Amino acid sequence: MSEHETRAGAEPDILAELQAEVARDLADERPPVGGPAYQVAAALVLLAFGLLAGYLAYGYGLGSLRRPGPGLWPFAVSALIVVLAVVLLIVGRHLDDAEKFTKASLLVLAGGATFVGLGVLLPSIGFEIPAVLLCIIWLRFLGGETWRSTIVISVAMTAAFYLLFLYALKIPLPHLLAF
């Protein structure tokens, strides 16, 4: 048997061992399984969210396909969320791959709350300060980034969105800075 044939035969063994080790590591890091009740709970939360968002979008006015109102796209997305929530509600009772809620699940709620905070602060103090604060909270406190990368990314992201929304898309956001 040649040296090349020996090495070629050993490579699949090494690859199989590496794949098995990665699979074990991923299994160790996976949160505990929640079961069908968690699937149904998630579906009900999404259903409520989709219905509320659809109601609010309808209030903005749907317009028509030729002259869409400001609520048309949010309403369409809300309708899609409702349809997917109903599908999850129907099939979710037979699935068991949902994760249990843990302390890490609260990070999602914190992220959502800070995003709502951005929306509340935007009309009163403009876009820049709430956007930088949102990025700082998400990167440093929810994501665990270093202070250096948090500050650099927060300022760069806010500047990029500022230029995108105000100048490229010409969306009249309340803002403090004028260039």
N, C-alpha and C. Protein backbone atom coordinates (compact mmCIF):
# COMPACT_ATOMS: atom_id res chain seq x y z
N MET A 1 0.86 -1.16 0.00
CA MET A 1 0.00 0.00 0.00
C MET A 1 0.91 1.23 0.00
N SER A 2 0.62 2.18 -0.88
CA SER A 2 1.45 3.37 -0.99
C SER A 2 1.12 4.37 0.11
N GLU A 3 2.03 5.34 0.28
CA GLU A 3 1.82 6.37 1.31
C GLU A 3 0.58 7.20 1.00
N HIS A 4 0.35 7.50 -0.31
CA HIS A 4 -0.82 8.28 -0.72
C HIS A 4 -2.12 7.54 -0.38
N GLU A 5 -2.15 6.24 -0.62
CA GLU A 5 -3.35 5.46 -0.32
C GLU A 5 -3.61 5.42 1.18
N THR A 6 -2.54 5.37 1.99
CA THR A 6 -2.69 5.35 3.44
C THR A 6 -3.25 6.68 3.94
N ARG A 7 -2.70 7.80 3.42
CA ARG A 7 -3.21 9.12 3.82
C ARG A 7 -4.65 9.32 3.37
N ALA A 8 -4.98 8.87 2.16
CA ALA A 8 -6.34 9.04 1.64
C ALA A 8 -7.33 8.26 2.48
N GLY A 9 -6.94 7.11 3.00
CA GLY A 9 -7.83 6.31 3.83
C GLY A 9 -8.01 6.92 5.21
N ALA A 10 -7.00 7.64 5.69
CA ALA A 10 -7.07 8.24 7.03
C ALA A 10 -7.88 9.53 7.03
N GLU A 11 -7.94 10.22 5.90
CA GLU A 11 -8.66 11.50 5.85
C GLU A 11 -10.14 11.36 6.18
N PRO A 12 -10.86 10.38 5.64
CA PRO A 12 -12.28 10.24 6.02
C PRO A 12 -12.47 9.98 7.51
N ASP A 13 -11.54 9.23 8.14
CA ASP A 13 -11.64 8.97 9.58
C ASP A 13 -11.48 10.26 10.37
N ILE A 14 -10.50 11.08 9.99
CA ILE A 14 -10.26 12.34 10.67
C ILE A 14 -11.47 13.26 10.48
N LEU A 15 -12.00 13.30 9.27
CA LEU A 15 -13.17 14.14 8.99
C LEU A 15 -14.38 13.68 9.80
N ALA A 16 -14.59 12.38 9.90
CA ALA A 16 -15.71 11.84 10.68
C ALA A 16 -15.55 12.18 12.16
N GLU A 17 -14.32 12.07 12.66
CA GLU A 17 -14.08 12.41 14.06
C GLU A 17 -14.32 13.90 14.32
N LEU A 18 -13.86 14.73 13.40
CA LEU A 18 -14.06 16.18 13.54
C LEU A 18 -15.55 16.53 13.51
N GLN A 19 -16.30 15.92 12.59
CA GLN A 19 -17.74 16.16 12.52
C GLN A 19 -18.44 15.72 13.79
N ALA A 20 -18.04 14.59 14.35
CA ALA A 20 -18.65 14.09 15.58
C ALA A 20 -18.34 15.03 16.74
N GLU A 21 -17.11 15.55 16.80
CA GLU A 21 -16.74 16.48 17.86
C GLU A 21 -17.52 17.79 17.76
N VAL A 22 -17.68 18.30 16.55
CA VAL A 22 -18.46 19.53 16.35
C VAL A 22 -19.91 19.28 16.74
N ALA A 23 -20.47 18.15 16.38
CA ALA A 23 -21.86 17.82 16.73
C ALA A 23 -22.03 17.76 18.24
N ARG A 24 -21.07 17.18 18.95
CA ARG A 24 -21.14 17.13 20.42
C ARG A 24 -21.07 18.52 21.03
N ASP A 25 -20.17 19.36 20.50
CA ASP A 25 -20.05 20.73 21.01
C ASP A 25 -21.33 21.51 20.80
N LEU A 26 -21.94 21.37 19.63
CA LEU A 26 -23.20 22.07 19.35
C LEU A 26 -24.32 21.57 20.25
N ALA A 27 -24.36 20.27 20.50
CA ALA A 27 -25.39 19.71 21.38
C ALA A 27 -25.23 20.23 22.80
N ASP A 28 -23.98 20.41 23.25
CA ASP A 28 -23.73 20.92 24.60
C ASP A 28 -24.18 22.37 24.75
N GLU A 29 -24.07 23.17 23.67
CA GLU A 29 -24.41 24.59 23.71
C GLU A 29 -25.89 24.86 23.48
N ARG A 30 -26.61 23.89 22.98
CA ARG A 30 -28.02 24.08 22.63
C ARG A 30 -28.86 24.25 23.90
N PRO A 31 -29.76 25.25 23.89
CA PRO A 31 -30.65 25.42 25.05
C PRO A 31 -31.58 24.22 25.19
N PRO A 32 -32.17 24.06 26.37
CA PRO A 32 -33.07 22.92 26.57
C PRO A 32 -34.30 23.00 25.67
N VAL A 33 -34.80 21.84 25.31
CA VAL A 33 -35.96 21.76 24.42
C VAL A 33 -37.23 22.10 25.19
N GLY A 34 -38.10 22.90 24.56
CA GLY A 34 -39.33 23.33 25.21
C GLY A 34 -40.53 22.47 24.90
N GLY A 35 -40.58 21.91 23.72
CA GLY A 35 -41.69 21.05 23.35
C GLY A 35 -42.82 21.80 22.67
N PRO A 36 -43.91 21.08 22.37
CA PRO A 36 -45.02 21.65 21.62
C PRO A 36 -45.69 22.85 22.29
N ALA A 37 -45.74 22.88 23.61
CA ALA A 37 -46.39 24.00 24.29
C ALA A 37 -45.70 25.32 23.96
N TYR A 38 -44.39 25.29 23.82
CA TYR A 38 -43.64 26.50 23.47
C TYR A 38 -43.92 26.92 22.03
N GLN A 39 -44.11 25.95 21.14
CA GLN A 39 -44.46 26.25 19.75
C GLN A 39 -45.81 26.97 19.70
N VAL A 40 -46.77 26.44 20.45
CA VAL A 40 -48.11 27.04 20.46
C VAL A 40 -48.07 28.43 21.09
N ALA A 41 -47.32 28.59 22.18
CA ALA A 41 -47.20 29.90 22.82
C ALA A 41 -46.58 30.91 21.87
N ALA A 42 -45.54 30.51 21.16
CA ALA A 42 -44.90 31.41 20.20
C ALA A 42 -45.87 31.77 19.08
N ALA A 43 -46.64 30.81 18.62
CA ALA A 43 -47.61 31.07 17.56
C ALA A 43 -48.68 32.06 18.03
N LEU A 44 -49.14 31.92 19.26
CA LEU A 44 -50.17 32.83 19.78
C LEU A 44 -49.62 34.25 19.95
N VAL A 45 -48.38 34.37 20.40
CA VAL A 45 -47.76 35.70 20.53
C VAL A 45 -47.62 36.34 19.15
N LEU A 46 -47.15 35.58 18.17
CA LEU A 46 -47.02 36.11 16.81
C LEU A 46 -48.37 36.47 16.22
N LEU A 47 -49.37 35.67 16.49
CA LEU A 47 -50.70 35.96 15.99
C LEU A 47 -51.22 37.27 16.57
N ALA A 48 -51.07 37.47 17.86
CA ALA A 48 -51.50 38.71 18.50
C ALA A 48 -50.72 39.90 17.94
N PHE A 49 -49.42 39.74 17.78
CA PHE A 49 -48.59 40.81 17.22
C PHE A 49 -49.02 41.15 15.81
N GLY A 50 -49.23 40.14 14.98
CA GLY A 50 -49.64 40.37 13.59
C GLY A 50 -50.99 41.06 13.50
N LEU A 51 -51.93 40.65 14.34
CA LEU A 51 -53.26 41.28 14.33
C LEU A 51 -53.19 42.74 14.78
N LEU A 52 -52.44 43.00 15.84
CA LEU A 52 -52.29 44.37 16.32
C LEU A 52 -51.59 45.24 15.28
N ALA A 53 -50.52 44.74 14.70
CA ALA A 53 -49.80 45.51 13.68
C ALA A 53 -50.69 45.76 12.46
N GLY A 54 -51.48 44.78 12.07
CA GLY A 54 -52.40 44.96 10.95
C GLY A 54 -53.44 46.02 11.24
N TYR A 55 -53.96 46.00 12.46
CA TYR A 55 -54.95 47.02 12.86
C TYR A 55 -54.33 48.42 12.82
N LEU A 56 -53.13 48.55 13.36
CA LEU A 56 -52.47 49.85 13.35
C LEU A 56 -52.13 50.30 11.93
N ALA A 57 -51.69 49.38 11.09
CA ALA A 57 -51.37 49.72 9.70
C ALA A 57 -52.62 50.14 8.95
N TYR A 58 -53.72 49.48 9.21
CA TYR A 58 -54.99 49.84 8.57
C TYR A 58 -55.38 51.28 8.92
N GLY A 59 -55.08 51.67 10.14
CA GLY A 59 -55.38 53.04 10.58
C GLY A 59 -54.62 54.09 9.81
N TYR A 60 -53.47 53.74 9.26
CA TYR A 60 -52.70 54.70 8.46
C TYR A 60 -53.28 54.87 7.06
N GLY A 61 -54.13 53.96 6.66
CA GLY A 61 -54.73 54.02 5.33
C GLY A 61 -53.99 53.12 4.36
N LEU A 62 -54.74 52.26 3.69
CA LEU A 62 -54.12 51.31 2.76
C LEU A 62 -53.97 51.86 1.36
N GLY A 63 -54.87 52.76 0.97
CA GLY A 63 -54.83 53.27 -0.40
C GLY A 63 -55.21 52.16 -1.37
N SER A 64 -54.61 52.18 -2.54
CA SER A 64 -54.85 51.15 -3.55
C SER A 64 -53.50 50.69 -4.09
N LEU A 65 -53.51 49.70 -4.95
CA LEU A 65 -52.25 49.24 -5.51
C LEU A 65 -51.62 50.29 -6.42
N ARG A 66 -52.44 51.08 -7.07
CA ARG A 66 -51.90 52.15 -7.92
C ARG A 66 -51.42 53.35 -7.10
N ARG A 67 -52.11 53.62 -6.01
CA ARG A 67 -51.74 54.73 -5.12
C ARG A 67 -51.70 54.20 -3.69
N PRO A 68 -50.61 53.49 -3.34
CA PRO A 68 -50.56 52.88 -2.01
C PRO A 68 -50.50 53.92 -0.91
N GLY A 69 -51.23 53.64 0.16
CA GLY A 69 -51.19 54.50 1.33
C GLY A 69 -50.03 54.09 2.23
N PRO A 70 -49.77 54.86 3.27
CA PRO A 70 -48.64 54.56 4.15
C PRO A 70 -48.79 53.26 4.93
N GLY A 71 -50.00 52.74 5.03
CA GLY A 71 -50.21 51.52 5.79
C GLY A 71 -50.23 50.25 4.96
N LEU A 72 -50.10 50.37 3.62
CA LEU A 72 -50.24 49.19 2.76
C LEU A 72 -49.17 48.14 3.02
N TRP A 73 -47.90 48.51 2.97
CA TRP A 73 -46.84 47.53 3.17
C TRP A 73 -46.81 47.00 4.59
N PRO A 74 -46.95 47.85 5.61
CA PRO A 74 -47.02 47.28 6.95
C PRO A 74 -48.21 46.33 7.12
N PHE A 75 -49.33 46.64 6.46
CA PHE A 75 -50.49 45.75 6.53
C PHE A 75 -50.19 44.42 5.84
N ALA A 76 -49.51 44.47 4.69
CA ALA A 76 -49.17 43.24 3.97
C ALA A 76 -48.23 42.36 4.80
N VAL A 77 -47.25 42.97 5.43
CA VAL A 77 -46.33 42.22 6.28
C VAL A 77 -47.08 41.64 7.48
N SER A 78 -47.99 42.43 8.05
CA SER A 78 -48.79 41.95 9.18
C SER A 78 -49.66 40.76 8.78
N ALA A 79 -50.25 40.83 7.60
CA ALA A 79 -51.06 39.72 7.11
C ALA A 79 -50.21 38.46 6.94
N LEU A 80 -49.00 38.62 6.44
CA LEU A 80 -48.10 37.48 6.30
C LEU A 80 -47.74 36.90 7.66
N ILE A 81 -47.50 37.75 8.65
CA ILE A 81 -47.21 37.28 10.00
C ILE A 81 -48.39 36.49 10.56
N VAL A 82 -49.61 36.98 10.33
CA VAL A 82 -50.81 36.28 10.81
C VAL A 82 -50.92 34.91 10.15
N VAL A 83 -50.72 34.85 8.84
CA VAL A 83 -50.82 33.57 8.13
C VAL A 83 -49.77 32.58 8.65
N LEU A 84 -48.53 33.05 8.81
CA LEU A 84 -47.48 32.16 9.31
C LEU A 84 -47.73 31.74 10.75
N ALA A 85 -48.29 32.62 11.56
CA ALA A 85 -48.62 32.28 12.94
C ALA A 85 -49.71 31.20 12.98
N VAL A 86 -50.70 31.30 12.11
CA VAL A 86 -51.76 30.28 12.06
C VAL A 86 -51.17 28.94 11.61
N VAL A 87 -50.28 28.98 10.61
CA VAL A 87 -49.63 27.73 10.17
C VAL A 87 -48.83 27.13 11.32
N LEU A 88 -48.07 27.96 12.05
CA LEU A 88 -47.31 27.46 13.19
C LEU A 88 -48.24 26.93 14.28
N LEU A 89 -49.37 27.57 14.46
CA LEU A 89 -50.33 27.11 15.46
C LEU A 89 -50.87 25.72 15.10
N ILE A 90 -51.08 25.50 13.81
CA ILE A 90 -51.62 24.20 13.36
C ILE A 90 -50.54 23.11 13.43
N VAL A 91 -49.37 23.38 12.87
CA VAL A 91 -48.33 22.36 12.83
C VAL A 91 -47.47 22.34 14.10
N GLY A 92 -47.44 23.43 14.83
CA GLY A 92 -46.58 23.53 15.99
C GLY A 92 -46.91 22.56 17.10
N ARG A 93 -48.16 22.12 17.15
CA ARG A 93 -48.56 21.17 18.19
C ARG A 93 -47.88 19.82 18.01
N HIS A 94 -47.37 19.57 16.80
CA HIS A 94 -46.74 18.28 16.52
C HIS A 94 -45.21 18.38 16.46
N LEU A 95 -44.69 19.55 16.76
CA LEU A 95 -43.24 19.76 16.73
C LEU A 95 -42.69 19.82 18.15
N ASP A 96 -41.44 19.45 18.29
CA ASP A 96 -40.84 19.50 19.62
C ASP A 96 -39.46 20.17 19.60
N ASP A 97 -39.19 21.00 18.60
CA ASP A 97 -37.87 21.60 18.49
C ASP A 97 -37.79 23.04 19.03
N ALA A 98 -38.83 23.49 19.70
CA ALA A 98 -38.78 24.82 20.30
C ALA A 98 -37.87 24.81 21.51
N GLU A 99 -37.22 25.95 21.75
CA GLU A 99 -36.34 26.07 22.91
C GLU A 99 -37.11 26.59 24.10
N LYS A 100 -36.74 26.12 25.30
CA LYS A 100 -37.34 26.63 26.52
C LYS A 100 -36.90 28.07 26.73
N PHE A 101 -37.76 28.84 27.37
CA PHE A 101 -37.39 30.20 27.72
C PHE A 101 -36.37 30.14 28.86
N THR A 102 -35.30 30.89 28.70
CA THR A 102 -34.25 30.96 29.71
C THR A 102 -33.97 32.43 30.00
N LYS A 103 -32.99 32.69 30.83
CA LYS A 103 -32.61 34.07 31.09
C LYS A 103 -32.14 34.75 29.81
N ALA A 104 -31.53 33.99 28.91
CA ALA A 104 -31.08 34.55 27.63
C ALA A 104 -32.26 35.00 26.77
N SER A 105 -33.43 34.41 26.99
CA SER A 105 -34.62 34.81 26.24
C SER A 105 -35.02 36.25 26.57
N LEU A 106 -34.66 36.71 27.74
CA LEU A 106 -34.99 38.08 28.13
C LEU A 106 -34.23 39.10 27.30
N LEU A 107 -33.12 38.69 26.69
CA LEU A 107 -32.37 39.60 25.82
C LEU A 107 -33.22 40.05 24.63
N VAL A 108 -34.05 39.15 24.14
CA VAL A 108 -34.94 39.49 23.03
C VAL A 108 -35.94 40.56 23.47
N LEU A 109 -36.50 40.39 24.66
CA LEU A 109 -37.42 41.40 25.18
C LEU A 109 -36.73 42.73 25.41
N ALA A 110 -35.51 42.69 25.91
CA ALA A 110 -34.75 43.93 26.12
C ALA A 110 -34.47 44.62 24.79
N GLY A 111 -34.12 43.84 23.78
CA GLY A 111 -33.89 44.41 22.45
C GLY A 111 -35.15 45.05 21.89
N GLY A 112 -36.27 44.39 22.05
CA GLY A 112 -37.54 44.95 21.58
C GLY A 112 -37.92 46.21 22.33
N ALA A 113 -37.71 46.21 23.64
CA ALA A 113 -38.04 47.38 24.45
C ALA A 113 -37.18 48.58 24.06
N THR A 114 -35.90 48.35 23.81
CA THR A 114 -35.05 49.47 23.41
C THR A 114 -35.43 49.99 22.02
N PHE A 115 -35.90 49.10 21.16
CA PHE A 115 -36.34 49.54 19.84
C PHE A 115 -37.60 50.40 19.95
N VAL A 116 -38.51 50.02 20.85
CA VAL A 116 -39.69 50.83 21.11
C VAL A 116 -39.26 52.18 21.70
N GLY A 117 -38.25 52.15 22.58
CA GLY A 117 -37.71 53.39 23.13
C GLY A 117 -37.19 54.31 22.05
N LEU A 118 -36.55 53.76 21.03
CA LEU A 118 -36.10 54.57 19.89
C LEU A 118 -37.29 55.27 19.24
N GLY A 119 -38.36 54.53 19.03
CA GLY A 119 -39.54 55.11 18.42
C GLY A 119 -40.18 56.19 19.26
N VAL A 120 -40.13 56.04 20.58
CA VAL A 120 -40.72 57.03 21.49
C VAL A 120 -39.86 58.30 21.52
N LEU A 121 -38.54 58.13 21.54
CA LEU A 121 -37.64 59.29 21.63
C LEU A 121 -37.45 60.02 20.31
N LEU A 122 -37.63 59.34 19.21
CA LEU A 122 -37.36 59.91 17.89
C LEU A 122 -38.07 61.23 17.64
N PRO A 123 -39.38 61.34 17.88
CA PRO A 123 -40.05 62.61 17.58
C PRO A 123 -39.59 63.77 18.47
N SER A 124 -39.18 63.46 19.70
CA SER A 124 -38.87 64.55 20.62
C SER A 124 -37.41 65.01 20.56
N ILE A 125 -36.46 64.09 20.39
CA ILE A 125 -35.06 64.52 20.39
C ILE A 125 -34.33 64.18 19.10
N GLY A 126 -35.02 63.70 18.09
CA GLY A 126 -34.40 63.44 16.81
C GLY A 126 -33.88 62.02 16.67
N PHE A 127 -33.23 61.77 15.56
CA PHE A 127 -32.79 60.44 15.18
C PHE A 127 -31.44 60.06 15.78
N GLU A 128 -30.52 61.00 15.83
CA GLU A 128 -29.13 60.68 16.12
C GLU A 128 -28.91 60.09 17.51
N ILE A 129 -29.36 60.76 18.55
CA ILE A 129 -29.09 60.32 19.93
C ILE A 129 -29.76 58.97 20.22
N PRO A 130 -31.04 58.78 19.92
CA PRO A 130 -31.64 57.46 20.18
C PRO A 130 -30.99 56.34 19.36
N ALA A 131 -30.57 56.64 18.13
CA ALA A 131 -29.95 55.60 17.30
C ALA A 131 -28.61 55.18 17.88
N VAL A 132 -27.80 56.14 18.32
CA VAL A 132 -26.51 55.80 18.93
C VAL A 132 -26.75 55.01 20.23
N LEU A 133 -27.70 55.45 21.04
CA LEU A 133 -27.99 54.73 22.29
C LEU A 133 -28.48 53.31 22.02
N LEU A 134 -29.33 53.14 21.04
CA LEU A 134 -29.82 51.81 20.68
C LEU A 134 -28.66 50.91 20.28
N CYS A 135 -27.78 51.42 19.44
CA CYS A 135 -26.62 50.62 19.01
C CYS A 135 -25.73 50.27 20.20
N ILE A 136 -25.50 51.23 21.08
CA ILE A 136 -24.65 50.97 22.25
C ILE A 136 -25.27 49.87 23.12
N ILE A 137 -26.55 49.97 23.39
CA ILE A 137 -27.21 48.96 24.22
C ILE A 137 -27.16 47.60 23.56
N TRP A 138 -27.48 47.54 22.27
CA TRP A 138 -27.49 46.25 21.58
C TRP A 138 -26.09 45.65 21.48
N LEU A 139 -25.10 46.47 21.14
CA LEU A 139 -23.76 45.93 20.94
C LEU A 139 -23.06 45.60 22.26
N ARG A 140 -23.05 46.54 23.18
CA ARG A 140 -22.28 46.36 24.41
C ARG A 140 -23.00 45.47 25.43
N PHE A 141 -24.25 45.81 25.72
CA PHE A 141 -24.95 45.14 26.82
C PHE A 141 -25.66 43.85 26.39
N LEU A 142 -26.20 43.83 25.19
CA LEU A 142 -26.86 42.61 24.74
C LEU A 142 -25.92 41.70 23.96
N GLY A 143 -24.95 42.31 23.26
CA GLY A 143 -24.05 41.52 22.43
C GLY A 143 -22.68 41.25 23.02
N GLY A 144 -22.31 41.99 24.07
CA GLY A 144 -21.04 41.75 24.73
C GLY A 144 -19.82 42.23 23.98
N GLU A 145 -19.97 43.19 23.07
CA GLU A 145 -18.84 43.72 22.32
C GLU A 145 -17.97 44.59 23.23
N THR A 146 -16.76 44.86 22.79
CA THR A 146 -15.87 45.75 23.55
C THR A 146 -16.36 47.18 23.41
N TRP A 147 -15.92 48.04 24.34
CA TRP A 147 -16.34 49.43 24.27
C TRP A 147 -15.83 50.08 22.99
N ARG A 148 -14.61 49.77 22.59
CA ARG A 148 -14.05 50.39 21.38
C ARG A 148 -14.90 50.06 20.15
N SER A 149 -15.16 48.78 19.93
CA SER A 149 -15.95 48.41 18.75
C SER A 149 -17.39 48.91 18.88
N THR A 150 -17.92 48.94 20.10
CA THR A 150 -19.27 49.45 20.30
C THR A 150 -19.39 50.91 19.87
N ILE A 151 -18.45 51.75 20.32
CA ILE A 151 -18.51 53.17 19.98
C ILE A 151 -18.32 53.38 18.48
N VAL A 152 -17.30 52.73 17.91
CA VAL A 152 -17.02 52.91 16.48
C VAL A 152 -18.21 52.45 15.63
N ILE A 153 -18.73 51.27 15.91
CA ILE A 153 -19.84 50.74 15.11
C ILE A 153 -21.10 51.57 15.33
N SER A 154 -21.37 52.00 16.56
CA SER A 154 -22.57 52.79 16.83
C SER A 154 -22.56 54.10 16.06
N VAL A 155 -21.45 54.80 16.10
CA VAL A 155 -21.36 56.08 15.39
C VAL A 155 -21.42 55.85 13.88
N ALA A 156 -20.70 54.84 13.39
CA ALA A 156 -20.70 54.56 11.95
C ALA A 156 -22.08 54.14 11.45
N MET A 157 -22.76 53.28 12.20
CA MET A 157 -24.10 52.84 11.80
C MET A 157 -25.09 53.99 11.79
N THR A 158 -25.03 54.82 12.82
CA THR A 158 -25.94 55.97 12.88
C THR A 158 -25.67 56.90 11.71
N ALA A 159 -24.41 57.16 11.40
CA ALA A 159 -24.07 58.02 10.27
C ALA A 159 -24.56 57.41 8.95
N ALA A 160 -24.38 56.10 8.80
CA ALA A 160 -24.81 55.43 7.57
C ALA A 160 -26.33 55.51 7.41
N PHE A 161 -27.07 55.23 8.48
CA PHE A 161 -28.53 55.30 8.40
C PHE A 161 -29.00 56.75 8.22
N TYR A 162 -28.30 57.67 8.83
CA TYR A 162 -28.62 59.10 8.67
C TYR A 162 -28.53 59.47 7.19
N LEU A 163 -27.41 59.13 6.56
CA LEU A 163 -27.22 59.44 5.14
C LEU A 163 -28.21 58.69 4.27
N LEU A 164 -28.45 57.43 4.60
CA LEU A 164 -29.38 56.62 3.81
C LEU A 164 -30.80 57.19 3.86
N PHE A 165 -31.32 57.39 5.07
CA PHE A 165 -32.71 57.83 5.20
C PHE A 165 -32.92 59.28 4.78
N LEU A 166 -32.06 60.17 5.25
CA LEU A 166 -32.30 61.60 5.01
C LEU A 166 -31.89 62.05 3.62
N TYR A 167 -30.82 61.48 3.07
CA TYR A 167 -30.32 61.98 1.80
C TYR A 167 -30.58 61.04 0.63
N ALA A 168 -30.32 59.76 0.80
CA ALA A 168 -30.53 58.83 -0.32
C ALA A 168 -32.02 58.55 -0.54
N LEU A 169 -32.75 58.28 0.54
CA LEU A 169 -34.17 57.97 0.41
C LEU A 169 -35.08 59.19 0.61
N LYS A 170 -34.50 60.27 1.09
CA LYS A 170 -35.23 61.53 1.32
C LYS A 170 -36.43 61.35 2.25
N ILE A 171 -36.22 60.57 3.32
CA ILE A 171 -37.26 60.36 4.33
C ILE A 171 -37.08 61.43 5.40
N PRO A 172 -38.11 62.22 5.65
CA PRO A 172 -37.96 63.34 6.58
C PRO A 172 -38.00 62.91 8.06
N LEU A 173 -36.92 62.31 8.53
CA LEU A 173 -36.83 61.94 9.95
C LEU A 173 -36.51 63.16 10.78
N PRO A 174 -37.04 63.24 11.99
CA PRO A 174 -36.61 64.33 12.89
C PRO A 174 -35.13 64.14 13.23
N HIS A 175 -34.36 65.19 13.09
CA HIS A 175 -32.93 65.06 13.33
C HIS A 175 -32.35 66.36 13.88
N LEU A 176 -31.23 66.23 14.56
CA LEU A 176 -30.56 67.38 15.16
C LEU A 176 -29.56 68.00 14.21
N LEU A 177 -28.84 67.17 13.47
CA LEU A 177 -27.78 67.65 12.59
C LEU A 177 -28.32 67.94 11.20
N ALA A 178 -27.80 68.96 10.57
CA ALA A 178 -28.18 69.29 9.20
C ALA A 178 -26.92 69.55 8.40
N PHE A 179 -26.76 68.79 7.32
CA PHE A 179 -25.59 68.96 6.46
C PHE A 179 -26.03 69.50 5.13
